[in-house]
PDB file of all heavy atoms in Angstrom:
ATOM      1  N   ALA A   1       0.830  -1.192   0.000  1.00  0.00           N
ATOM      2  CA  ALA A   1       0.000   0.000   0.000  1.00  0.00           C
ATOM      3  C   ALA A   1       0.868   1.246   0.000  1.00  0.00           C
ATOM      4  O   ALA A   1       1.977   1.240   0.531  1.00  0.00           O
ATOM      5  CB  ALA A   1      -0.933   0.010   1.215  1.00  0.00           C
ATOM      6  N   VAL A   2       0.346   2.317  -0.586  1.00  0.00           N
ATOM      7  CA  VAL A   2       1.059   3.592  -0.681  1.00  0.00           C
ATOM      8  C   VAL A   2       0.117   4.723  -0.321  1.00  0.00           C
ATOM      9  O   VAL A   2      -1.068   4.689  -0.670  1.00  0.00           O
ATOM     10  CB  VAL A   2       1.597   3.841  -2.105  1.00  0.00           C
ATOM     11  CG1 VAL A   2       2.308   5.186  -2.181  1.00  0.00           C
ATOM     12  CG2 VAL A   2       2.521   2.721  -2.533  1.00  0.00           C
ATOM     13  N   ILE A   3       0.639   5.723   0.366  1.00  0.00           N
ATOM     14  CA  ILE A   3      -0.103   6.952   0.585  1.00  0.00           C
ATOM     15  C   ILE A   3       0.822   8.113   0.257  1.00  0.00           C
ATOM     16  O   ILE A   3       1.929   8.211   0.778  1.00  0.00           O
ATOM     17  CB  ILE A   3      -0.672   7.051   2.021  1.00  0.00           C
ATOM     18  CG1 ILE A   3      -1.532   8.315   2.155  1.00  0.00           C
ATOM     19  CG2 ILE A   3       0.429   7.003   3.068  1.00  0.00           C
ATOM     20  CD1 ILE A   3      -2.419   8.315   3.401  1.00  0.00           C
ATOM     21  N   THR A   4       0.372   8.995  -0.627  1.00  0.00           N
ATOM     22  CA  THR A   4       1.195  10.100  -1.082  1.00  0.00           C
ATOM     23  C   THR A   4       1.087  11.286  -0.137  1.00  0.00           C
ATOM     24  O   THR A   4       0.325  11.278   0.832  1.00  0.00           O
ATOM     25  CB  THR A   4       0.786  10.549  -2.488  1.00  0.00           C
ATOM     26  OG1 THR A   4      -0.489  11.199  -2.438  1.00  0.00           O
ATOM     27  CG2 THR A   4       0.715   9.360  -3.437  1.00  0.00           C
ATOM     28  N   THR A   5       1.846  12.341  -0.461  1.00  0.00           N
ATOM     29  CA  THR A   5       1.840  13.543   0.364  1.00  0.00           C
ATOM     30  C   THR A   5       0.506  14.277   0.312  1.00  0.00           C
ATOM     31  O   THR A   5       0.233  15.104   1.184  1.00  0.00           O
ATOM     32  CB  THR A   5       2.957  14.499  -0.068  1.00  0.00           C
ATOM     33  OG1 THR A   5       2.806  14.820  -1.454  1.00  0.00           O
ATOM     34  CG2 THR A   5       4.320  13.862   0.165  1.00  0.00           C
ATOM     35  N   ILE A   6      -0.307  13.999  -0.698  1.00  0.00           N
ATOM     36  CA  ILE A   6      -1.618  14.634  -0.791  1.00  0.00           C
ATOM     37  C   ILE A   6      -2.742  13.679  -0.426  1.00  0.00           C
ATOM     38  O   ILE A   6      -3.915  13.983  -0.625  1.00  0.00           O
ATOM     39  CB  ILE A   6      -1.865  15.236  -2.182  1.00  0.00           C
ATOM     40  CG1 ILE A   6      -1.804  14.167  -3.273  1.00  0.00           C
ATOM     41  CG2 ILE A   6      -0.858  16.349  -2.464  1.00  0.00           C
ATOM     42  CD1 ILE A   6      -2.218  14.680  -4.635  1.00  0.00           C
ATOM     43  N   GLY A   7      -2.392  12.512   0.090  1.00  0.00           N
ATOM     44  CA  GLY A   7      -3.394  11.596   0.595  1.00  0.00           C
ATOM     45  C   GLY A   7      -3.913  10.561  -0.377  1.00  0.00           C
ATOM     46  O   GLY A   7      -4.815   9.792  -0.021  1.00  0.00           O
ATOM     47  N   THR A   8      -3.378  10.523  -1.577  1.00  0.00           N
ATOM     48  CA  THR A   8      -3.794   9.513  -2.535  1.00  0.00           C
ATOM     49  C   THR A   8      -3.278   8.141  -2.102  1.00  0.00           C
ATOM     50  O   THR A   8      -2.126   8.013  -1.698  1.00  0.00           O
ATOM     51  CB  THR A   8      -3.266   9.831  -3.937  1.00  0.00           C
ATOM     52  OG1 THR A   8      -3.751  11.111  -4.338  1.00  0.00           O
ATOM     53  CG2 THR A   8      -3.723   8.784  -4.945  1.00  0.00           C
ATOM     54  N   THR A   9      -4.116   7.134  -2.170  1.00  0.00           N
ATOM     55  CA  THR A   9      -3.726   5.789  -1.760  1.00  0.00           C
ATOM     56  C   THR A   9      -3.814   4.810  -2.915  1.00  0.00           C
ATOM     57  O   THR A   9      -4.633   4.956  -3.824  1.00  0.00           O
ATOM     58  CB  THR A   9      -4.609   5.283  -0.616  1.00  0.00           C
ATOM     59  OG1 THR A   9      -5.980   5.287  -1.027  1.00  0.00           O
ATOM     60  CG2 THR A   9      -4.455   6.161   0.619  1.00  0.00           C
ATOM     61  N   ASN A  10      -2.952   3.805  -2.861  1.00  0.00           N
ATOM     62  CA  ASN A  10      -2.953   2.722  -3.833  1.00  0.00           C
ATOM     63  C   ASN A  10      -2.645   1.426  -3.111  1.00  0.00           C
ATOM     64  O   ASN A  10      -1.897   1.415  -2.131  1.00  0.00           O
ATOM     65  CB  ASN A  10      -1.925   2.965  -4.942  1.00  0.00           C
ATOM     66  CG  ASN A  10      -2.305   4.103  -5.863  1.00  0.00           C
ATOM     67  OD1 ASN A  10      -3.178   3.955  -6.709  1.00  0.00           O
ATOM     68  ND2 ASN A  10      -1.658   5.249  -5.700  1.00  0.00           N
ATOM     69  N   TYR A  11      -3.211   0.336  -3.611  1.00  0.00           N
ATOM     70  CA  TYR A  11      -3.066  -0.954  -2.961  1.00  0.00           C
ATOM     71  C   TYR A  11      -2.744  -2.051  -3.957  1.00  0.00           C
ATOM     72  O   TYR A  11      -3.147  -1.999  -5.116  1.00  0.00           O
ATOM     73  CB  TYR A  11      -4.357  -1.332  -2.232  1.00  0.00           C
ATOM     74  CG  TYR A  11      -4.763  -0.355  -1.164  1.00  0.00           C
ATOM     75  CD1 TYR A  11      -5.604   0.710  -1.452  1.00  0.00           C
ATOM     76  CD2 TYR A  11      -4.308  -0.503   0.146  1.00  0.00           C
ATOM     77  CE1 TYR A  11      -5.976   1.615  -0.469  1.00  0.00           C
ATOM     78  CE2 TYR A  11      -4.670   0.397   1.129  1.00  0.00           C
ATOM     79  CZ  TYR A  11      -5.509   1.454   0.818  1.00  0.00           C
ATOM     80  OH  TYR A  11      -5.872   2.345   1.797  1.00  0.00           O
ATOM     81  N   ALA A  12      -2.036  -3.052  -3.468  1.00  0.00           N
ATOM     82  CA  ALA A  12      -1.851  -4.252  -4.254  1.00  0.00           C
ATOM     83  C   ALA A  12      -3.207  -4.910  -4.465  1.00  0.00           C
ATOM     84  O   ALA A  12      -4.081  -4.853  -3.595  1.00  0.00           O
ATOM     85  CB  ALA A  12      -0.906  -5.218  -3.546  1.00  0.00           C
ATOM     86  N   GLU A  13      -3.391  -5.525  -5.605  1.00  0.00           N
ATOM     87  CA  GLU A  13      -4.670  -6.145  -5.933  1.00  0.00           C
ATOM     88  C   GLU A  13      -5.091  -7.168  -4.877  1.00  0.00           C
ATOM     89  O   GLU A  13      -6.273  -7.274  -4.547  1.00  0.00           O
ATOM     90  CB  GLU A  13      -4.598  -6.813  -7.306  1.00  0.00           C
ATOM     91  CG  GLU A  13      -5.929  -7.353  -7.808  1.00  0.00           C
ATOM     92  CD  GLU A  13      -6.918  -6.248  -8.104  1.00  0.00           C
ATOM     93  OE1 GLU A  13      -6.491  -5.132  -8.449  1.00  0.00           O
ATOM     94  OE2 GLU A  13      -8.137  -6.505  -7.990  1.00  0.00           O
ATOM     95  N   SER A  14      -4.137  -7.866  -4.318  1.00  0.00           N
ATOM     96  CA  SER A  14      -4.435  -8.925  -3.362  1.00  0.00           C
ATOM     97  C   SER A  14      -4.991  -8.427  -2.030  1.00  0.00           C
ATOM     98  O   SER A  14      -5.572  -9.213  -1.277  1.00  0.00           O
ATOM     99  CB  SER A  14      -3.182  -9.764  -3.101  1.00  0.00           C
ATOM    100  OG  SER A  14      -2.147  -8.965  -2.559  1.00  0.00           O
ATOM    101  N   VAL A  15      -4.827  -7.134  -1.737  1.00  0.00           N
ATOM    102  CA  VAL A  15      -5.285  -6.612  -0.447  1.00  0.00           C
ATOM    103  C   VAL A  15      -6.389  -5.576  -0.581  1.00  0.00           C
ATOM    104  O   VAL A  15      -6.890  -5.080   0.435  1.00  0.00           O
ATOM    105  CB  VAL A  15      -4.124  -6.011   0.369  1.00  0.00           C
ATOM    106  CG1 VAL A  15      -2.988  -7.012   0.502  1.00  0.00           C
ATOM    107  CG2 VAL A  15      -3.627  -4.711  -0.261  1.00  0.00           C
ATOM    108  N   LYS A  16      -6.787  -5.255  -1.791  1.00  0.00           N
ATOM    109  CA  LYS A  16      -7.834  -4.263  -2.001  1.00  0.00           C
ATOM    110  C   LYS A  16      -9.125  -4.680  -1.298  1.00  0.00           C
ATOM    111  O   LYS A  16      -9.553  -5.819  -1.393  1.00  0.00           O
ATOM    112  CB  LYS A  16      -8.103  -4.064  -3.495  1.00  0.00           C
ATOM    113  CG  LYS A  16      -7.036  -3.272  -4.212  1.00  0.00           C
ATOM    114  CD  LYS A  16      -7.390  -3.067  -5.680  1.00  0.00           C
ATOM    115  CE  LYS A  16      -6.329  -2.242  -6.386  1.00  0.00           C
ATOM    116  NZ  LYS A  16      -6.638  -2.065  -7.828  1.00  0.00           N
ATOM    117  N   GLY A  17      -9.715  -3.724  -0.605  1.00  0.00           N
ATOM    118  CA  GLY A  17     -10.941  -3.991   0.124  1.00  0.00           C
ATOM    119  C   GLY A  17     -10.724  -4.558   1.506  1.00  0.00           C
ATOM    120  O   GLY A  17     -11.674  -4.641   2.296  1.00  0.00           O
ATOM    121  N   ARG A  18      -9.493  -4.947   1.821  1.00  0.00           N
ATOM    122  CA  ARG A  18      -9.193  -5.528   3.124  1.00  0.00           C
ATOM    123  C   ARG A  18      -8.233  -4.673   3.951  1.00  0.00           C
ATOM    124  O   ARG A  18      -8.345  -4.621   5.172  1.00  0.00           O
ATOM    125  CB  ARG A  18      -8.602  -6.930   2.965  1.00  0.00           C
ATOM    126  CG  ARG A  18      -9.524  -7.909   2.260  1.00  0.00           C
ATOM    127  CD  ARG A  18      -8.968  -9.330   2.307  1.00  0.00           C
ATOM    128  NE  ARG A  18      -7.688  -9.439   1.622  1.00  0.00           N
ATOM    129  CZ  ARG A  18      -6.547  -9.815   2.203  1.00  0.00           C
ATOM    130  NH1 ARG A  18      -6.542 -10.122   3.503  1.00  0.00           N
ATOM    131  NH2 ARG A  18      -5.433  -9.901   1.503  1.00  0.00           N
ATOM    132  N   PHE A  19      -7.282  -4.027   3.282  1.00  0.00           N
ATOM    133  CA  PHE A  19      -6.271  -3.221   3.961  1.00  0.00           C
ATOM    134  C   PHE A  19      -6.522  -1.738   3.717  1.00  0.00           C
ATOM    135  O   PHE A  19      -6.986  -1.340   2.648  1.00  0.00           O
ATOM    136  CB  PHE A  19      -4.868  -3.553   3.450  1.00  0.00           C
ATOM    137  CG  PHE A  19      -4.348  -4.909   3.838  1.00  0.00           C
ATOM    138  CD1 PHE A  19      -5.164  -5.869   4.409  1.00  0.00           C
ATOM    139  CD2 PHE A  19      -3.012  -5.210   3.623  1.00  0.00           C
ATOM    140  CE1 PHE A  19      -4.679  -7.116   4.758  1.00  0.00           C
ATOM    141  CE2 PHE A  19      -2.506  -6.450   3.965  1.00  0.00           C
ATOM    142  CZ  PHE A  19      -3.336  -7.405   4.535  1.00  0.00           C
ATOM    143  N   THR A  20      -6.173  -0.922   4.703  1.00  0.00           N
ATOM    144  CA  THR A  20      -6.287   0.522   4.579  1.00  0.00           C
ATOM    145  C   THR A  20      -5.034   1.185   5.134  1.00  0.00           C
ATOM    146  O   THR A  20      -4.671   0.955   6.288  1.00  0.00           O
ATOM    147  CB  THR A  20      -7.514   1.065   5.324  1.00  0.00           C
ATOM    148  OG1 THR A  20      -8.700   0.442   4.840  1.00  0.00           O
ATOM    149  CG2 THR A  20      -7.631   2.573   5.122  1.00  0.00           C
ATOM    150  N   ILE A  21      -4.391   2.006   4.318  1.00  0.00           N
ATOM    151  CA  ILE A  21      -3.238   2.767   4.776  1.00  0.00           C
ATOM    152  C   ILE A  21      -3.697   4.169   5.131  1.00  0.00           C
ATOM    153  O   ILE A  21      -4.551   4.740   4.460  1.00  0.00           O
ATOM    154  CB  ILE A  21      -2.122   2.806   3.707  1.00  0.00           C
ATOM    155  CG1 ILE A  21      -0.859   3.479   4.270  1.00  0.00           C
ATOM    156  CG2 ILE A  21      -2.587   3.501   2.436  1.00  0.00           C
ATOM    157  CD1 ILE A  21       0.355   3.373   3.349  1.00  0.00           C
ATOM    158  N   SER A  22      -3.147   4.717   6.197  1.00  0.00           N
ATOM    159  CA  SER A  22      -3.513   6.055   6.619  1.00  0.00           C
ATOM    160  C   SER A  22      -2.310   6.749   7.233  1.00  0.00           C
ATOM    161  O   SER A  22      -1.340   6.111   7.617  1.00  0.00           O
ATOM    162  CB  SER A  22      -4.682   6.026   7.612  1.00  0.00           C
ATOM    163  OG  SER A  22      -4.341   5.304   8.790  1.00  0.00           O
ATOM    164  N   ARG A  23      -2.406   8.073   7.318  1.00  0.00           N
ATOM    165  CA  ARG A  23      -1.318   8.867   7.866  1.00  0.00           C
ATOM    166  C   ARG A  23      -1.860   9.879   8.866  1.00  0.00           C
ATOM    167  O   ARG A  23      -2.854  10.560   8.603  1.00  0.00           O
ATOM    168  CB  ARG A  23      -0.588   9.597   6.731  1.00  0.00           C
ATOM    169  CG  ARG A  23       0.589  10.447   7.176  1.00  0.00           C
ATOM    170  CD  ARG A  23       0.999  11.510   6.149  1.00  0.00           C
ATOM    171  NE  ARG A  23       1.270  10.996   4.825  1.00  0.00           N
ATOM    172  CZ  ARG A  23       2.457  11.090   4.203  1.00  0.00           C
ATOM    173  NH1 ARG A  23       3.497  11.648   4.807  1.00  0.00           N
ATOM    174  NH2 ARG A  23       2.580  10.617   2.972  1.00  0.00           N
ATOM    175  N   ASP A  24      -1.222   9.973  10.012  1.00  0.00           N
ATOM    176  CA  ASP A  24      -1.552  10.959  11.020  1.00  0.00           C
ATOM    177  C   ASP A  24      -0.398  11.951  11.050  1.00  0.00           C
ATOM    178  O   ASP A  24       0.649  11.675  11.635  1.00  0.00           O
ATOM    179  CB  ASP A  24      -1.755  10.306  12.386  1.00  0.00           C
ATOM    180  CG  ASP A  24      -2.265  11.280  13.435  1.00  0.00           C
ATOM    181  OD1 ASP A  24      -1.951  12.476  13.363  1.00  0.00           O
ATOM    182  OD2 ASP A  24      -2.998  10.834  14.344  1.00  0.00           O
ATOM    183  N   VAL A  25      -0.585  13.094  10.407  1.00  0.00           N
ATOM    184  CA  VAL A  25       0.488  14.070  10.274  1.00  0.00           C
ATOM    185  C   VAL A  25       0.909  14.632  11.624  1.00  0.00           C
ATOM    186  O   VAL A  25       2.098  14.797  11.901  1.00  0.00           O
ATOM    187  CB  VAL A  25       0.071  15.213   9.326  1.00  0.00           C
ATOM    188  CG1 VAL A  25       1.144  16.295   9.279  1.00  0.00           C
ATOM    189  CG2 VAL A  25      -0.191  14.669   7.934  1.00  0.00           C
ATOM    190  N   ALA A  26      -0.065  14.931  12.480  1.00  0.00           N
ATOM    191  CA  ALA A  26       0.227  15.516  13.777  1.00  0.00           C
ATOM    192  C   ALA A  26       1.100  14.605  14.626  1.00  0.00           C
ATOM    193  O   ALA A  26       1.971  15.075  15.360  1.00  0.00           O
ATOM    194  CB  ALA A  26      -1.064  15.851  14.512  1.00  0.00           C
ATOM    195  N   ARG A  27       0.861  13.312  14.551  1.00  0.00           N
ATOM    196  CA  ARG A  27       1.625  12.347  15.338  1.00  0.00           C
ATOM    197  C   ARG A  27       2.792  11.749  14.566  1.00  0.00           C
ATOM    198  O   ARG A  27       3.552  10.951  15.124  1.00  0.00           O
ATOM    199  CB  ARG A  27       0.707  11.233  15.841  1.00  0.00           C
ATOM    200  CG  ARG A  27      -0.333  11.706  16.843  1.00  0.00           C
ATOM    201  CD  ARG A  27      -1.237  10.573  17.271  1.00  0.00           C
ATOM    202  NE  ARG A  27      -2.121  10.962  18.363  1.00  0.00           N
ATOM    203  CZ  ARG A  27      -3.251  11.631  18.204  1.00  0.00           C
ATOM    204  NH1 ARG A  27      -3.654  11.990  16.994  1.00  0.00           N
ATOM    205  NH2 ARG A  27      -3.995  11.951  19.252  1.00  0.00           N
ATOM    206  N   GLU A  28       2.934  12.116  13.303  1.00  0.00           N
ATOM    207  CA  GLU A  28       3.976  11.579  12.423  1.00  0.00           C
ATOM    208  C   GLU A  28       3.956  10.054  12.439  1.00  0.00           C
ATOM    209  O   GLU A  28       4.979   9.390  12.655  1.00  0.00           O
ATOM    210  CB  GLU A  28       5.345  12.129  12.812  1.00  0.00           C
ATOM    211  CG  GLU A  28       5.444  13.640  12.645  1.00  0.00           C
ATOM    212  CD  GLU A  28       6.845  14.189  12.846  1.00  0.00           C
ATOM    213  OE1 GLU A  28       7.600  13.628  13.671  1.00  0.00           O
ATOM    214  OE2 GLU A  28       7.192  15.173  12.177  1.00  0.00           O
ATOM    215  N   MET A  29       2.779   9.518  12.193  1.00  0.00           N
ATOM    216  CA  MET A  29       2.570   8.080  12.185  1.00  0.00           C
ATOM    217  C   MET A  29       1.893   7.643  10.889  1.00  0.00           C
ATOM    218  O   MET A  29       1.107   8.394  10.300  1.00  0.00           O
ATOM    219  CB  MET A  29       1.700   7.650  13.361  1.00  0.00           C
ATOM    220  CG  MET A  29       2.299   7.912  14.732  1.00  0.00           C
ATOM    221  SD  MET A  29       3.631   6.744  15.121  1.00  0.00           S
ATOM    222  CE  MET A  29       2.684   5.228  15.311  1.00  0.00           C
ATOM    223  N   VAL A  30       2.193   6.440  10.463  1.00  0.00           N
ATOM    224  CA  VAL A  30       1.531   5.799   9.343  1.00  0.00           C
ATOM    225  C   VAL A  30       0.998   4.457   9.822  1.00  0.00           C
ATOM    226  O   VAL A  30       1.676   3.754  10.577  1.00  0.00           O
ATOM    227  CB  VAL A  30       2.485   5.601   8.152  1.00  0.00           C
ATOM    228  CG1 VAL A  30       1.768   4.911   7.004  1.00  0.00           C
ATOM    229  CG2 VAL A  30       3.040   6.940   7.694  1.00  0.00           C
ATOM    230  N   TYR A  31      -0.195   4.119   9.389  1.00  0.00           N
ATOM    231  CA  TYR A  31      -0.829   2.893   9.842  1.00  0.00           C
ATOM    232  C   TYR A  31      -1.234   2.014   8.669  1.00  0.00           C
ATOM    233  O   TYR A  31      -1.464   2.487   7.561  1.00  0.00           O
ATOM    234  CB  TYR A  31      -2.080   3.198  10.675  1.00  0.00           C
ATOM    235  CG  TYR A  31      -1.829   4.114  11.840  1.00  0.00           C
ATOM    236  CD1 TYR A  31      -2.110   5.472  11.746  1.00  0.00           C
ATOM    237  CD2 TYR A  31      -1.307   3.624  13.035  1.00  0.00           C
ATOM    238  CE1 TYR A  31      -1.878   6.320  12.813  1.00  0.00           C
ATOM    239  CE2 TYR A  31      -1.074   4.468  14.104  1.00  0.00           C
ATOM    240  CZ  TYR A  31      -1.358   5.811  13.990  1.00  0.00           C
ATOM    241  OH  TYR A  31      -1.127   6.643  15.053  1.00  0.00           O
ATOM    242  N   LEU A  32      -1.334   0.741   8.938  1.00  0.00           N
ATOM    243  CA  LEU A  32      -1.894  -0.195   7.978  1.00  0.00           C
ATOM    244  C   LEU A  32      -2.916  -1.047   8.717  1.00  0.00           C
ATOM    245  O   LEU A  32      -2.551  -1.917   9.507  1.00  0.00           O
ATOM    246  CB  LEU A  32      -0.822  -1.085   7.355  1.00  0.00           C
ATOM    247  CG  LEU A  32      -1.323  -2.035   6.265  1.00  0.00           C
ATOM    248  CD1 LEU A  32      -1.771  -1.236   5.035  1.00  0.00           C
ATOM    249  CD2 LEU A  32      -0.249  -3.040   5.872  1.00  0.00           C
ATOM    250  N   GLN A  33      -4.183  -0.748   8.492  1.00  0.00           N
ATOM    251  CA  GLN A  33      -5.254  -1.534   9.072  1.00  0.00           C
ATOM    252  C   GLN A  33      -5.507  -2.733   8.173  1.00  0.00           C
ATOM    253  O   GLN A  33      -5.805  -2.577   6.995  1.00  0.00           O
ATOM    254  CB  GLN A  33      -6.530  -0.696   9.203  1.00  0.00           C
ATOM    255  CG  GLN A  33      -7.718  -1.439   9.784  1.00  0.00           C
ATOM    256  CD  GLN A  33      -7.505  -1.865  11.214  1.00  0.00           C
ATOM    257  OE1 GLN A  33      -7.046  -1.079  12.040  1.00  0.00           O
ATOM    258  NE2 GLN A  33      -7.826  -3.109  11.528  1.00  0.00           N
ATOM    259  N   MET A  34      -5.389  -3.921   8.730  1.00  0.00           N
ATOM    260  CA  MET A  34      -5.535  -5.147   7.970  1.00  0.00           C
ATOM    261  C   MET A  34      -6.727  -5.930   8.509  1.00  0.00           C
ATOM    262  O   MET A  34      -6.724  -6.361   9.660  1.00  0.00           O
ATOM    263  CB  MET A  34      -4.265  -5.992   8.054  1.00  0.00           C
ATOM    264  CG  MET A  34      -3.007  -5.249   7.622  1.00  0.00           C
ATOM    265  SD  MET A  34      -1.534  -6.299   7.641  1.00  0.00           S
ATOM    266  CE  MET A  34      -1.397  -6.612   9.409  1.00  0.00           C
ATOM    267  N   ASN A  35      -7.733  -6.094   7.669  1.00  0.00           N
ATOM    268  CA  ASN A  35      -8.934  -6.828   8.037  1.00  0.00           C
ATOM    269  C   ASN A  35      -9.078  -8.078   7.178  1.00  0.00           C
ATOM    270  O   ASN A  35      -8.504  -8.173   6.097  1.00  0.00           O
ATOM    271  CB  ASN A  35     -10.172  -5.946   7.865  1.00  0.00           C
ATOM    272  CG  ASN A  35     -10.162  -4.725   8.749  1.00  0.00           C
ATOM    273  OD1 ASN A  35      -9.682  -4.766   9.884  1.00  0.00           O
ATOM    274  ND2 ASN A  35     -10.714  -3.622   8.248  1.00  0.00           N
ATOM    275  N   ASN A  36      -9.881  -9.005   7.672  1.00  0.00           N
ATOM    276  CA  ASN A  36     -10.120 -10.259   6.955  1.00  0.00           C
ATOM    277  C   ASN A  36      -8.809 -10.890   6.495  1.00  0.00           C
ATOM    278  O   ASN A  36      -8.641 -11.247   5.324  1.00  0.00           O
ATOM    279  CB  ASN A  36     -11.046 -10.011   5.763  1.00  0.00           C
ATOM    280  CG  ASN A  36     -11.559 -11.293   5.134  1.00  0.00           C
ATOM    281  OD1 ASN A  36     -11.628 -12.332   5.785  1.00  0.00           O
ATOM    282  ND2 ASN A  36     -11.899 -11.227   3.853  1.00  0.00           N
ATOM    283  N   LEU A  37      -7.906 -11.045   7.422  1.00  0.00           N
ATOM    284  CA  LEU A  37      -6.583 -11.566   7.096  1.00  0.00           C
ATOM    285  C   LEU A  37      -6.639 -13.007   6.621  1.00  0.00           C
ATOM    286  O   LEU A  37      -7.463 -13.799   7.081  1.00  0.00           O
ATOM    287  CB  LEU A  37      -5.664 -11.445   8.305  1.00  0.00           C
ATOM    288  CG  LEU A  37      -5.148 -10.027   8.559  1.00  0.00           C
ATOM    289  CD1 LEU A  37      -4.645  -9.878   9.984  1.00  0.00           C
ATOM    290  CD2 LEU A  37      -4.041  -9.685   7.564  1.00  0.00           C
ATOM    291  N   LYS A  38      -5.740 -13.320   5.710  1.00  0.00           N
ATOM    292  CA  LYS A  38      -5.643 -14.642   5.121  1.00  0.00           C
ATOM    293  C   LYS A  38      -4.245 -15.203   5.352  1.00  0.00           C
ATOM    294  O   LYS A  38      -3.296 -14.442   5.528  1.00  0.00           O
ATOM    295  CB  LYS A  38      -5.932 -14.575   3.619  1.00  0.00           C
ATOM    296  CG  LYS A  38      -7.285 -13.968   3.271  1.00  0.00           C
ATOM    297  CD  LYS A  38      -7.463 -13.833   1.769  1.00  0.00           C
ATOM    298  CE  LYS A  38      -8.804 -13.227   1.432  1.00  0.00           C
ATOM    299  NZ  LYS A  38      -9.004 -13.099  -0.031  1.00  0.00           N
ATOM    300  N   PRO A  39      -4.094 -16.522   5.336  1.00  0.00           N
ATOM    301  CA  PRO A  39      -2.763 -17.107   5.523  1.00  0.00           C
ATOM    302  C   PRO A  39      -1.728 -16.570   4.547  1.00  0.00           C
ATOM    303  O   PRO A  39      -0.556 -16.437   4.914  1.00  0.00           O
ATOM    304  CB  PRO A  39      -3.007 -18.603   5.313  1.00  0.00           C
ATOM    305  CG  PRO A  39      -4.415 -18.800   5.752  1.00  0.00           C
ATOM    306  CD  PRO A  39      -5.138 -17.562   5.282  1.00  0.00           C
ATOM    307  N   GLU A  40      -2.134 -16.248   3.332  1.00  0.00           N
ATOM    308  CA  GLU A  40      -1.208 -15.720   2.346  1.00  0.00           C
ATOM    309  C   GLU A  40      -0.725 -14.308   2.669  1.00  0.00           C
ATOM    310  O   GLU A  40       0.169 -13.789   2.001  1.00  0.00           O
ATOM    311  CB  GLU A  40      -1.815 -15.755   0.934  1.00  0.00           C
ATOM    312  CG  GLU A  40      -3.205 -15.154   0.848  1.00  0.00           C
ATOM    313  CD  GLU A  40      -4.298 -16.204   0.914  1.00  0.00           C
ATOM    314  OE1 GLU A  40      -4.215 -17.096   1.779  1.00  0.00           O
ATOM    315  OE2 GLU A  40      -5.235 -16.132   0.092  1.00  0.00           O
ATOM    316  N   ASP A  41      -1.312 -13.678   3.687  1.00  0.00           N
ATOM    317  CA  ASP A  41      -0.833 -12.377   4.145  1.00  0.00           C
ATOM    318  C   ASP A  41       0.367 -12.514   5.075  1.00  0.00           C
ATOM    319  O   ASP A  41       0.982 -11.505   5.432  1.00  0.00           O
ATOM    320  CB  ASP A  41      -1.940 -11.614   4.870  1.00  0.00           C
ATOM    321  CG  ASP A  41      -3.101 -11.248   3.965  1.00  0.00           C
ATOM    322  OD1 ASP A  41      -2.853 -10.821   2.817  1.00  0.00           O
ATOM    323  OD2 ASP A  41      -4.257 -11.369   4.410  1.00  0.00           O
ATOM    324  N   THR A  42       0.682 -13.724   5.471  1.00  0.00           N
ATOM    325  CA  THR A  42       1.813 -13.957   6.362  1.00  0.00           C
ATOM    326  C   THR A  42       3.103 -13.477   5.710  1.00  0.00           C
ATOM    327  O   THR A  42       3.450 -13.897   4.608  1.00  0.00           O
ATOM    328  CB  THR A  42       1.930 -15.445   6.714  1.00  0.00           C
ATOM    329  OG1 THR A  42       0.784 -15.847   7.465  1.00  0.00           O
ATOM    330  CG2 THR A  42       3.183 -15.710   7.542  1.00  0.00           C
TER     331      THR A  42
END
C-alpha cells in the first residue's frame, strides 16, 4: 500500500478492500489496518 503527500492511496490487488493505509500528520505516524486476514498475508 502507498499513501502520497496529498493523501492519494494505492493498494496491491491482493489486499484491495481488506487493507487501509492512513497517515496521522500531527503524530507523524503511518498505519496499515488489515482486516479479513488470510494465511497468504503472512
